[in-house]
Amino acid sequence: MAVAPEARRRGLARRVLRALMAWGRERGCTRAYLVVVERNEAARALYESEGFEPAGGYHYRVRPVRP
């Protein structure tokens, strides 16, 4: 999920997240998982305020393409 910079701080992400959670509950989901970049403090704060907890970490591996 991403919000355009000019539309931030209006509660849009929270409304979308809550709508998705309700959609899942209506279909029998009992858990929700998401991935957020660690340095995205605003997203982490949003998700934590909605009850999400860190469950692990990840990192990317990059390799140059060789001819």
Protein backbone atom coordinates (compact mmCIF):
# COMPACT_ATOMS: atom_id res chain seq x y z
CA MET A 1 0.00 0.00 0.00
CA ALA A 2 1.32 3.44 -0.81
CA VAL A 3 -0.14 6.89 -0.43
CA ALA A 4 0.87 9.74 -2.71
CA PRO A 5 2.92 12.32 -0.80
CA GLU A 6 0.35 15.06 -1.39
CA ALA A 7 -2.42 12.86 0.08
CA ARG A 8 -0.61 11.81 3.27
CA ARG A 9 -1.67 12.62 6.84
CA ARG A 10 -5.40 12.36 6.00
CA GLY A 11 -6.07 8.88 7.37
CA LEU A 12 -6.33 7.25 3.94
CA ALA A 13 -3.93 4.39 4.68
CA ARG A 14 -5.69 3.64 7.97
CA ARG A 15 -9.08 3.53 6.22
CA VAL A 16 -7.77 1.21 3.52
CA LEU A 17 -6.10 -1.04 6.10
CA ARG A 18 -9.27 -1.25 8.19
CA ALA A 19 -11.39 -1.99 5.10
CA LEU A 20 -9.00 -4.79 4.12
CA MET A 21 -9.08 -6.21 7.62
CA ALA A 22 -12.90 -6.16 7.64
CA TRP A 23 -12.97 -7.82 4.21
CA GLY A 24 -10.74 -10.59 5.52
CA ARG A 25 -12.77 -11.07 8.71
CA GLU A 26 -15.97 -11.40 6.65
CA ARG A 27 -14.28 -14.24 4.79
CA GLY A 28 -13.08 -16.07 7.86
CA CYS A 29 -9.52 -14.81 8.14
CA THR A 30 -8.10 -14.93 11.64
CA ARG A 31 -4.64 -13.45 10.99
CA ALA A 32 -3.15 -10.79 8.79
CA TYR A 33 0.47 -10.42 7.75
CA LEU A 34 2.21 -7.55 6.03
CA VAL A 35 5.70 -6.52 5.04
CA VAL A 36 7.02 -3.06 5.69
CA VAL A 37 10.44 -1.56 5.05
CA GLU A 38 12.14 -1.11 8.42
CA ARG A 39 13.10 2.49 7.78
CA ASN A 40 9.47 3.44 6.95
CA GLU A 41 8.71 4.80 10.40
CA ALA A 42 5.31 6.25 9.45
CA ALA A 43 4.06 2.90 8.15
CA ARG A 44 5.45 1.03 11.14
CA ALA A 45 3.71 3.46 13.50
CA LEU A 46 0.42 3.02 11.64
CA TYR A 47 0.58 -0.77 11.70
CA GLU A 48 1.64 -0.90 15.34
CA SER A 49 -1.24 1.43 16.28
CA GLU A 50 -3.58 -1.03 14.53
CA GLY A 51 -2.26 -3.94 16.60
CA PHE A 52 0.40 -5.42 14.32
CA GLU A 53 3.59 -6.68 15.95
CA PRO A 54 6.97 -7.39 14.38
CA ALA A 55 7.26 -11.09 13.58
CA GLY A 56 10.63 -11.25 11.88
CA GLY A 57 12.93 -9.51 9.48
CA TYR A 58 14.27 -9.87 5.99
CA HIS A 59 16.88 -8.41 3.72
CA TYR A 60 17.44 -8.27 0.01
CA ARG A 61 20.34 -9.93 -1.76
CA VAL A 62 21.62 -8.26 -4.88
CA ARG A 63 24.00 -9.64 -7.45
CA PRO A 64 25.22 -7.93 -10.60
CA VAL A 65 24.34 -9.59 -13.88
CA ARG A 66 27.45 -10.82 -15.63
CA PRO A 67 27.70 -11.45 -19.37
